[in-house]
Amino acid sequence: MCWIGGAPDRSGHNRYMGQALRELDPRASAAATFGAELRARRLAEGRSLRQLGQLVLVSPELLAKVEKAQRCPRPDLVERLDTVLETRGELARLAAPLFTATDRSAPDLPKLDPGSAEIELRRVIDDVRATDHTLAADRLAELMTFAEAAGAVDDSGLATPAKRSLRRTLAEAEQLAGWMLFDRGDQAGAERMFADARRTAQQAGAADLVAYVLGPSAAYASIWCGDAELGAERAYGALAWARRSGNRRLAAFVAAVAARAHARLGEGDLCRQMLGESEWELDRHVADGSDPGWLSVFDEATLAGYRGLCLLDLGEPRAAIAALGQQEVATPPQFVRNSIIWRLECAQAHLRLGEIDTAGSEIEKALDYAEPGAVTPRVVRVFHAADLRLRSDRSVRELATTRERLWGFISANG
C-alpha cells in the first residue's frame, strides 16, 4: 500500500506531520496506476462512486479504496468494471500484475571457485549495471543467480582481507538486484534484497555501501512508493554512514535523497537546506579516481535533476524546468532511464504552466529514448502518469499524434 504523506491513524487523521492525505501518485505502484486509471475512466463517464458501485455490485467505499490503492480489487470486480466502463480489456491489463507473480526462473546455479568467485561476480555486476542504465536488456535473473552462487562459496580458506572483499562485492550485487526488483515493481522483493545487502555490507565493514543501500536505494524506493516519511528516516540514517565512510560525493548523494523526501512532504525549508548541503559536499569532494563505480550515477547533473524534481514537488514548475534543463545538458548518454523520467517530469511542469506544445515535445523525446529498450514497469508507470495528465486536461486535445503514440507505447509495454 502506497501513501503520500503517511497512513491515517484509527481516528482517520494522518499520523505523519499533521498533514492531510494527498492524492496518490499513479507512478508509485501497479495498484496506484490501476486506481488512477479507474478514477479517470469513471470521471470521464460522469459517474459518482455510488453510481458505479451500484453497477458493479460493490460499495462506494470499496471503490474509493481501490482508486486510492488502499485495497486490491478482486479479479471478478475488475471484469465487471471493464464491462461497465467499456475499457476493452484495459483495466484487466493494468490489474494483471496485481494477481500474477512475475516468473523469475533463474539459470542453473554456477559453481564458483573461492579464488575466482569475486572476479566472476564483479564481471557480471559491471555488465548488468551497464545494460540496466541503458535499458538495453533485462539481466536480473543472471545477476541474482551469480549473487546466490557467490554467497554459497566456501570462503574458509581465504585470508580475512579476501573474505571481506568478496562480501563487499556480494553486497554490491545484492544492492543492484534490489534496485532492479524495485524498478520492476516488486517492492517487497526489493526490500528483502536491500536488507540482505545492508547486512552483507556491514559484515564486510563497508560503510560506504551501507550508506548506498540505505539511502539512494531503500530510501529512494520508499519515497517513490509514497512513504516519504520512511524515506527521510532512512536517508538521515544513511547520511551518518556516508560521513563515516569519508566520501563526500556519497554524502552529497544521500543529502539529495533526503531533500526529495522533504519536498514530497511539502517541507520546503528543510528541502532547500538539504539541497544546499548536497551541493556543499559535492563541491568539496576530491575526484582522485577512488570512487566506486556505482557512484558514477551521481554528479552535478544528477544534483540539478534532484533540484528540479524537488522544485516541481514544491509547486515551482518554472524553476523546476530550469534545473531539469541543466541536468539534460550535462547528463552522460548512458543513463537512459534517468533521462526518460526527467524528461517526463519536465513535460509535467510545462503542462502545469499551460505550455502544451513544449510538453508534447518532451514526451516525444522521452518516447524516442524508451521505445528501443527493455523498458521496465516503473518507467511505463511514469509514461502512464503523463497520459493521465494529458487526458484530464481539455486544453491538450491538439496533441492527438503524441497521445496516440504514447498510448500505443503504454499498451505495448504494460
Protein backbone atom coordinates (compact mmCIF):
# COMPACT_ATOMS: atom_id res chain seq x y z
CA MET A 1 0.00 0.00 0.00
CA CYS A 2 1.49 3.35 -1.01
CA TRP A 3 0.60 6.62 0.65
CA ILE A 4 1.69 10.19 0.04
CA GLY A 5 2.23 11.86 3.39
CA GLY A 6 1.61 8.80 5.54
CA ALA A 7 -1.13 6.48 6.66
CA PRO A 8 -4.14 7.58 8.75
CA ASP A 9 -4.47 6.55 12.33
CA ARG A 10 -7.61 4.93 13.75
CA SER A 11 -9.36 8.29 14.01
CA GLY A 12 -8.94 8.76 10.26
CA HIS A 13 -6.37 11.54 10.64
CA ASN A 14 -2.96 11.48 9.05
CA ARG A 15 -0.37 10.40 11.59
CA TYR A 16 2.58 11.97 9.76
CA MET A 17 3.48 15.60 10.34
CA GLY A 18 -0.16 16.57 10.87
CA GLN A 19 -0.70 16.78 7.08
CA ALA A 20 -3.83 15.89 5.16
CA LEU A 21 -3.64 12.83 2.96
CA ARG A 22 -2.70 13.81 -0.59
CA GLU A 23 -3.87 12.12 -3.78
CA LEU A 24 -1.90 9.01 -4.59
CA ASP A 25 0.78 9.31 -7.25
CA PRO A 26 -0.06 6.90 -10.12
CA ARG A 27 3.67 6.24 -10.57
CA ALA A 28 4.02 4.72 -7.11
CA SER A 29 2.92 1.15 -7.85
CA ALA A 30 0.86 -1.07 -10.14
CA ALA A 31 -2.07 -0.69 -7.73
CA ALA A 32 -1.74 3.09 -7.85
CA THR A 33 -1.70 3.09 -11.65
CA PHE A 34 -4.82 0.91 -11.73
CA GLY A 35 -6.59 3.15 -9.22
CA ALA A 36 -5.71 6.32 -11.11
CA GLU A 37 -6.88 4.83 -14.41
CA LEU A 38 -10.12 3.62 -12.82
CA ARG A 39 -10.79 7.09 -11.44
CA ALA A 40 -10.04 8.73 -14.80
CA ARG A 41 -12.41 6.35 -16.60
CA ARG A 42 -15.15 6.82 -14.01
CA LEU A 43 -14.95 10.62 -14.17
CA ALA A 44 -14.86 10.55 -17.98
CA GLU A 45 -18.19 8.67 -17.82
CA GLY A 46 -19.56 11.24 -15.37
CA ARG A 47 -20.32 8.63 -12.72
CA SER A 48 -20.06 9.03 -8.98
CA LEU A 49 -18.58 6.33 -6.77
CA ARG A 50 -22.08 5.43 -5.63
CA GLN A 51 -23.42 5.17 -9.18
CA LEU A 52 -20.54 2.99 -10.37
CA GLY A 53 -20.67 0.90 -7.21
CA GLN A 54 -24.33 0.05 -7.85
CA LEU A 55 -23.50 -1.10 -11.38
CA VAL A 56 -20.58 -3.34 -10.33
CA LEU A 57 -22.24 -4.57 -7.11
CA VAL A 58 -19.81 -3.15 -4.53
CA SER A 59 -19.96 -0.30 -2.06
CA PRO A 60 -18.73 3.18 -2.99
CA GLU A 61 -16.38 2.96 -0.02
CA LEU A 62 -14.67 -0.08 -1.52
CA LEU A 63 -14.34 1.60 -4.91
CA ALA A 64 -12.80 4.65 -3.24
CA LYS A 65 -10.22 2.44 -1.54
CA VAL A 66 -9.40 0.73 -4.84
CA GLU A 67 -8.92 4.10 -6.52
CA LYS A 68 -6.53 5.16 -3.73
CA ALA A 69 -4.68 1.81 -3.84
CA GLN A 70 -5.75 1.05 -0.29
CA ARG A 71 -7.46 -2.18 -1.40
CA CYS A 72 -6.61 -4.62 -4.17
CA PRO A 73 -9.62 -5.37 -6.41
CA ARG A 74 -10.73 -8.95 -6.91
CA PRO A 75 -10.48 -10.31 -10.48
CA ASP A 76 -14.28 -10.53 -10.78
CA LEU A 77 -14.62 -6.87 -9.82
CA VAL A 78 -12.04 -5.89 -12.43
CA GLU A 79 -14.01 -7.83 -15.04
CA ARG A 80 -17.24 -6.01 -14.12
CA LEU A 81 -15.51 -2.63 -14.14
CA ASP A 82 -14.03 -3.42 -17.54
CA THR A 83 -17.51 -4.22 -18.87
CA VAL A 84 -19.39 -1.30 -17.33
CA LEU A 85 -16.78 1.31 -18.25
CA GLU A 86 -16.23 -0.26 -21.69
CA THR A 87 -12.45 -0.19 -21.44
CA ARG A 88 -11.98 -3.11 -23.87
CA GLY A 89 -9.74 -5.03 -21.52
CA GLU A 90 -7.56 -2.08 -20.49
CA LEU A 91 -8.43 -2.29 -16.80
CA ALA A 92 -7.86 -6.06 -16.87
CA ARG A 93 -4.44 -5.50 -18.43
CA LEU A 94 -3.49 -2.96 -15.77
CA ALA A 95 -4.73 -5.24 -12.98
CA ALA A 96 -2.81 -8.29 -14.19
CA PRO A 97 0.37 -7.53 -12.16
CA LEU A 98 -1.77 -7.43 -9.02
CA PHE A 99 -2.80 -11.07 -9.45
CA THR A 100 0.11 -12.82 -11.15
CA ALA A 101 3.59 -13.32 -9.78
CA THR A 102 6.42 -12.48 -12.13
CA ASP A 103 8.23 -15.50 -13.48
CA ARG A 104 11.82 -15.08 -12.39
CA SER A 105 13.06 -18.56 -13.21
CA ALA A 106 16.83 -18.40 -12.85
CA PRO A 107 19.52 -20.11 -14.89
CA ASP A 108 21.30 -23.08 -13.37
CA LEU A 109 23.41 -22.07 -10.41
CA PRO A 110 27.08 -21.95 -11.42
CA LYS A 111 29.70 -23.39 -9.08
CA LEU A 112 32.25 -20.69 -8.32
CA ASP A 113 35.77 -21.35 -7.14
CA PRO A 114 36.63 -19.43 -3.93
CA GLY A 115 39.73 -17.97 -5.54
CA SER A 116 37.92 -16.58 -8.58
CA ALA A 117 34.38 -16.03 -7.27
CA GLU A 118 34.85 -12.31 -6.71
CA ILE A 119 36.29 -11.77 -10.19
CA GLU A 120 33.39 -13.63 -11.79
CA LEU A 121 30.79 -11.76 -9.75
CA ARG A 122 32.46 -8.41 -10.47
CA ARG A 123 32.29 -9.10 -14.20
CA VAL A 124 28.57 -9.85 -14.02
CA ILE A 125 27.84 -6.80 -11.85
CA ASP A 126 29.60 -4.41 -14.21
CA ASP A 127 27.94 -5.89 -17.30
CA VAL A 128 24.47 -5.92 -15.75
CA ARG A 129 24.79 -2.39 -14.35
CA ALA A 130 25.77 -1.05 -17.77
CA THR A 131 22.82 -2.71 -19.53
CA ASP A 132 20.43 -1.68 -16.73
CA HIS A 133 21.34 2.03 -17.01
CA THR A 134 20.68 1.96 -20.74
CA LEU A 135 17.58 -0.29 -20.54
CA ALA A 136 19.30 -2.49 -23.11
CA ALA A 137 18.28 -5.85 -21.61
CA ASP A 138 16.75 -7.49 -18.54
CA ARG A 139 19.53 -9.46 -16.83
CA LEU A 140 18.12 -9.58 -13.32
CA ALA A 141 17.88 -13.40 -13.23
CA GLU A 142 21.53 -13.71 -14.24
CA LEU A 143 22.65 -11.27 -11.55
CA MET A 144 20.66 -12.97 -8.81
CA THR A 145 21.97 -16.37 -9.87
CA PHE A 146 25.59 -15.31 -9.63
CA ALA A 147 24.97 -13.49 -6.33
CA GLU A 148 23.45 -16.67 -4.88
CA ALA A 149 26.40 -18.71 -6.15
CA ALA A 150 28.88 -16.24 -4.63
CA GLY A 151 27.03 -16.35 -1.33
CA ALA A 152 27.34 -20.13 -1.27
CA VAL A 153 31.11 -20.11 -1.78
CA ASP A 154 33.13 -21.77 0.96
CA ASP A 155 35.48 -18.92 1.90
CA SER A 156 37.03 -20.70 4.89
CA GLY A 157 40.33 -21.00 3.05
CA LEU A 158 40.52 -17.30 2.17
CA ALA A 159 42.51 -14.76 4.15
CA THR A 160 40.47 -12.19 6.07
CA PRO A 161 41.02 -9.33 3.56
CA ALA A 162 39.91 -11.60 0.70
CA LYS A 163 36.82 -12.68 2.66
CA ARG A 164 35.85 -9.05 3.28
CA SER A 165 36.44 -8.14 -0.35
CA LEU A 166 34.20 -10.97 -1.50
CA ARG A 167 31.50 -9.94 0.97
CA ARG A 168 31.71 -6.35 -0.26
CA THR A 169 31.25 -7.42 -3.87
CA LEU A 170 28.35 -9.67 -2.87
CA ALA A 171 26.70 -6.72 -1.09
CA GLU A 172 27.06 -4.67 -4.24
CA ALA A 173 25.37 -7.42 -6.26
CA GLU A 174 22.51 -7.65 -3.74
CA GLN A 175 22.02 -3.88 -3.83
CA LEU A 176 21.85 -3.88 -7.62
CA ALA A 177 19.40 -6.79 -7.61
CA GLY A 178 17.24 -4.95 -5.08
CA TRP A 179 17.23 -1.84 -7.25
CA MET A 180 16.27 -3.87 -10.33
CA LEU A 181 13.43 -5.55 -8.42
CA PHE A 182 12.16 -2.12 -7.34
CA ASP A 183 12.36 -0.88 -10.93
CA ARG A 184 10.29 -3.88 -11.99
CA GLY A 185 7.55 -3.21 -9.45
CA ASP A 186 8.49 -5.83 -6.85
CA GLN A 187 8.84 -3.60 -3.81
CA ALA A 188 8.60 -6.47 -1.32
CA GLY A 189 11.38 -8.35 -3.10
CA ALA A 190 13.45 -5.18 -3.27
CA GLU A 191 13.09 -4.62 0.47
CA ARG A 192 14.29 -8.15 1.20
CA MET A 193 17.27 -7.75 -1.11
CA PHE A 194 18.19 -4.35 0.34
CA ALA A 195 18.10 -5.88 3.83
CA ASP A 196 20.44 -8.67 2.67
CA ALA A 197 22.75 -6.14 1.03
CA ARG A 198 22.95 -3.99 4.14
CA ARG A 199 23.72 -6.98 6.34
CA THR A 200 26.40 -8.22 3.95
CA ALA A 201 27.94 -4.75 3.66
CA GLN A 202 28.13 -4.45 7.43
CA GLN A 203 29.84 -7.84 7.61
CA ALA A 204 32.37 -6.54 5.11
CA GLY A 205 32.94 -3.35 7.11
CA ALA A 206 31.88 -1.29 4.07
CA ALA A 207 30.36 1.88 5.49
CA ASP A 208 30.01 3.42 2.03
CA LEU A 209 27.95 0.50 0.75
CA VAL A 210 25.73 0.56 3.84
CA ALA A 211 25.04 4.24 3.10
CA TYR A 212 24.35 3.50 -0.56
CA VAL A 213 21.93 0.69 0.25
CA LEU A 214 20.11 2.62 2.96
CA GLY A 215 19.94 6.00 1.16
CA PRO A 216 19.92 6.14 -2.65
CA SER A 217 18.45 2.62 -2.76
CA ALA A 218 15.99 1.88 0.07
CA ALA A 219 15.16 5.50 0.98
CA TYR A 220 14.64 6.44 -2.65
CA ALA A 221 12.35 3.45 -3.18
CA SER A 222 10.30 4.40 -0.10
CA ILE A 223 9.91 7.96 -1.36
CA TRP A 224 8.90 6.79 -4.81
CA CYS A 225 6.29 4.43 -3.38
CA GLY A 226 4.72 7.22 -1.36
CA ASP A 227 6.23 6.78 2.10
CA ALA A 228 8.31 9.93 2.20
CA GLU A 229 8.44 9.87 6.00
CA LEU A 230 10.19 6.50 5.98
CA GLY A 231 12.36 7.74 3.14
CA ALA A 232 13.52 10.69 5.23
CA GLU A 233 14.31 8.44 8.19
CA ARG A 234 16.35 6.12 6.03
CA ALA A 235 18.15 8.96 4.27
CA TYR A 236 19.28 10.54 7.53
CA GLY A 237 20.48 7.18 8.78
CA ALA A 238 22.38 6.73 5.52
CA LEU A 239 23.94 10.16 5.89
CA ALA A 240 25.62 9.07 9.11
CA TRP A 241 27.10 6.04 7.34
CA ALA A 242 28.19 8.17 4.37
CA ARG A 243 30.06 10.52 6.67
CA ARG A 244 31.70 7.60 8.43
CA SER A 245 32.92 6.43 5.03
CA GLY A 246 34.59 9.79 4.38
CA ASN A 247 33.26 10.01 0.81
CA ARG A 248 31.79 13.47 0.32
CA ARG A 249 30.30 12.65 -3.07
CA LEU A 250 28.34 9.86 -1.43
CA ALA A 251 27.25 12.20 1.37
CA ALA A 252 26.07 14.65 -1.31
CA PHE A 253 24.03 11.88 -2.95
CA VAL A 254 22.36 10.90 0.29
CA ALA A 255 21.60 14.53 1.16
CA ALA A 256 19.89 14.95 -2.21
CA VAL A 257 17.69 11.93 -1.45
CA ALA A 258 16.78 13.48 1.92
CA ALA A 259 15.89 16.70 0.11
CA ARG A 260 13.48 14.81 -2.14
CA ALA A 261 11.79 13.29 0.89
CA HIS A 262 11.26 16.73 2.40
CA ALA A 263 9.91 18.02 -0.92
CA ARG A 264 7.37 15.20 -1.07
CA LEU A 265 6.32 16.09 2.48
CA GLY A 266 5.92 19.74 1.49
CA GLU A 267 8.76 20.82 3.79
CA GLY A 268 10.33 23.48 1.58
CA ASP A 269 12.83 24.93 4.05
CA LEU A 270 14.24 21.54 5.01
CA CYS A 271 14.34 20.52 1.36
CA ARG A 272 16.39 23.56 0.37
CA GLN A 273 18.66 23.06 3.37
CA MET A 274 19.48 19.53 2.27
CA LEU A 275 19.95 20.57 -1.36
CA GLY A 276 22.42 23.18 -0.13
CA GLU A 277 24.19 20.55 1.95
CA SER A 278 24.39 18.24 -1.06
CA GLU A 279 25.92 20.99 -3.18
CA TRP A 280 28.37 21.89 -0.40
CA GLU A 281 29.54 18.29 -0.03
CA LEU A 282 29.87 17.79 -3.78
CA ASP A 283 31.89 20.98 -4.20
CA ARG A 284 34.38 19.70 -1.61
CA HIS A 285 34.70 16.21 -3.00
CA VAL A 286 38.17 15.42 -4.31
CA ALA A 287 37.94 13.40 -7.54
CA ASP A 288 41.02 11.19 -7.20
CA GLY A 289 39.72 8.16 -9.07
CA SER A 290 38.94 6.20 -5.92
CA ASP A 291 35.14 6.43 -6.13
CA PRO A 292 33.39 3.08 -6.62
CA GLY A 293 31.73 2.52 -9.98
CA TRP A 294 28.22 2.61 -8.58
CA LEU A 295 28.73 6.22 -7.50
CA SER A 296 29.19 7.41 -11.10
CA VAL A 297 25.43 7.91 -11.30
CA PHE A 298 25.65 10.99 -9.04
CA ASP A 299 27.35 14.20 -10.17
CA GLU A 300 26.48 17.88 -10.73
CA ALA A 301 23.97 16.95 -13.44
CA THR A 302 22.19 14.48 -11.14
CA LEU A 303 22.01 17.07 -8.40
CA ALA A 304 20.43 19.51 -10.85
CA GLY A 305 17.88 16.81 -11.67
CA TYR A 306 17.09 16.27 -8.00
CA ARG A 307 16.72 20.02 -7.53
CA GLY A 308 14.28 20.15 -10.43
CA LEU A 309 12.17 17.29 -9.07
CA CYS A 310 12.11 18.90 -5.63
CA LEU A 311 11.01 22.24 -7.04
CA LEU A 312 8.26 20.54 -9.00
CA ASP A 313 7.05 18.80 -5.82
CA LEU A 314 7.08 22.16 -4.06
CA GLY A 315 4.90 23.78 -6.72
CA GLU A 316 7.56 25.76 -8.59
CA PRO A 317 7.31 24.42 -12.17
CA ARG A 318 9.21 27.25 -13.86
CA ALA A 319 12.22 26.89 -11.58
CA ALA A 320 11.96 23.10 -11.95
CA ILE A 321 12.18 23.37 -15.75
CA ALA A 322 15.36 25.46 -15.47
CA ALA A 323 17.02 22.93 -13.16
CA LEU A 324 15.94 19.96 -15.27
CA GLY A 325 17.33 21.74 -18.32
CA GLN A 326 20.74 21.91 -16.63
CA GLN A 327 20.51 18.19 -15.97
CA GLU A 328 19.60 17.41 -19.57
CA VAL A 329 22.63 19.22 -20.98
CA ALA A 330 25.14 17.55 -18.68
CA THR A 331 23.85 14.00 -18.11
CA PRO A 332 26.03 11.28 -19.69
CA PRO A 333 24.18 9.44 -22.50
CA GLN A 334 24.36 6.02 -20.85
CA PHE A 335 21.88 6.98 -18.12
CA VAL A 336 18.84 6.40 -20.31
CA ARG A 337 16.33 5.67 -17.54
CA ASN A 338 17.10 8.91 -15.72
CA SER A 339 16.81 10.89 -18.94
CA ILE A 340 13.39 9.40 -19.67
CA ILE A 341 12.00 10.09 -16.21
CA TRP A 342 13.37 13.61 -16.03
CA ARG A 343 12.02 14.50 -19.49
CA LEU A 344 8.58 13.29 -18.46
CA GLU A 345 8.77 15.30 -15.24
CA CYS A 346 9.74 18.32 -17.31
CA ALA A 347 6.70 17.69 -19.50
CA GLN A 348 4.52 17.68 -16.38
CA ALA A 349 5.98 21.06 -15.39
CA HIS A 350 5.23 22.53 -18.84
CA LEU A 351 1.67 21.20 -18.66
CA ARG A 352 1.17 22.93 -15.31
CA LEU A 353 2.22 26.18 -16.99
CA GLY A 354 -0.06 25.61 -19.96
CA GLU A 355 2.86 25.16 -22.36
CA ILE A 356 1.21 22.36 -24.30
CA ASP A 357 3.42 22.13 -27.38
CA THR A 358 6.62 22.09 -25.34
CA ALA A 359 5.19 19.39 -23.07
CA GLY A 360 4.31 17.30 -26.11
CA SER A 361 7.84 17.69 -27.45
CA GLU A 362 9.31 16.45 -24.16
CA ILE A 363 7.03 13.41 -24.19
CA GLU A 364 8.04 12.63 -27.78
CA LYS A 365 11.73 12.83 -26.84
CA ALA A 366 11.14 10.51 -23.87
CA LEU A 367 9.46 8.04 -26.20
CA ASP A 368 12.43 8.24 -28.55
CA TYR A 369 14.64 7.11 -25.66
CA ALA A 370 12.28 4.42 -24.38
CA GLU A 371 10.92 2.67 -27.46
CA PRO A 372 14.12 0.81 -28.45
CA GLY A 373 14.92 -0.53 -24.97
CA ALA A 374 13.84 -3.15 -22.45
CA VAL A 375 11.66 -0.66 -20.61
CA THR A 376 10.75 -1.54 -17.01
CA PRO A 377 7.33 -1.37 -15.28
CA ARG A 378 8.34 1.68 -13.22
CA VAL A 379 9.24 3.62 -16.36
CA VAL A 380 5.97 2.57 -18.01
CA ARG A 381 4.07 3.90 -14.99
CA VAL A 382 5.74 7.30 -15.41
CA PHE A 383 4.55 7.35 -19.02
CA HIS A 384 1.08 6.34 -17.81
CA ALA A 385 1.06 9.27 -15.37
CA ALA A 386 1.83 11.60 -18.28
CA ASP A 387 -1.00 10.04 -20.28
CA LEU A 388 -3.46 10.51 -17.42
CA ARG A 389 -2.42 14.15 -17.15
CA LEU A 390 -2.98 14.72 -20.87
CA ARG A 391 -6.38 13.04 -20.80
CA SER A 392 -7.52 15.09 -17.81
CA ASP A 393 -6.80 18.44 -19.48
CA ARG A 394 -9.24 19.56 -22.17
CA SER A 395 -6.69 22.07 -23.45
CA VAL A 396 -4.36 19.41 -24.80
CA ARG A 397 -6.71 17.87 -27.36
CA GLU A 398 -4.46 19.13 -30.14
CA LEU A 399 -1.70 16.67 -29.17
CA ALA A 400 -3.55 13.83 -30.86
CA THR A 401 -0.49 12.33 -32.53
CA THR A 402 1.57 12.40 -29.34
CA ARG A 403 -1.26 10.92 -27.31
CA GLU A 404 -1.77 8.13 -29.83
CA ARG A 405 1.94 7.29 -29.83
CA LEU A 406 2.07 7.47 -26.04
CA TRP A 407 -0.91 5.16 -25.57
CA GLY A 408 0.48 2.72 -28.11
CA PHE A 409 3.73 2.55 -26.16
CA ILE A 410 1.94 2.03 -22.84
CA SER A 411 -0.29 -0.71 -24.26
CA ALA A 412 2.67 -2.49 -25.84
CA ASN A 413 4.73 -2.46 -22.65
CA GLY A 414 2.09 -2.83 -19.95
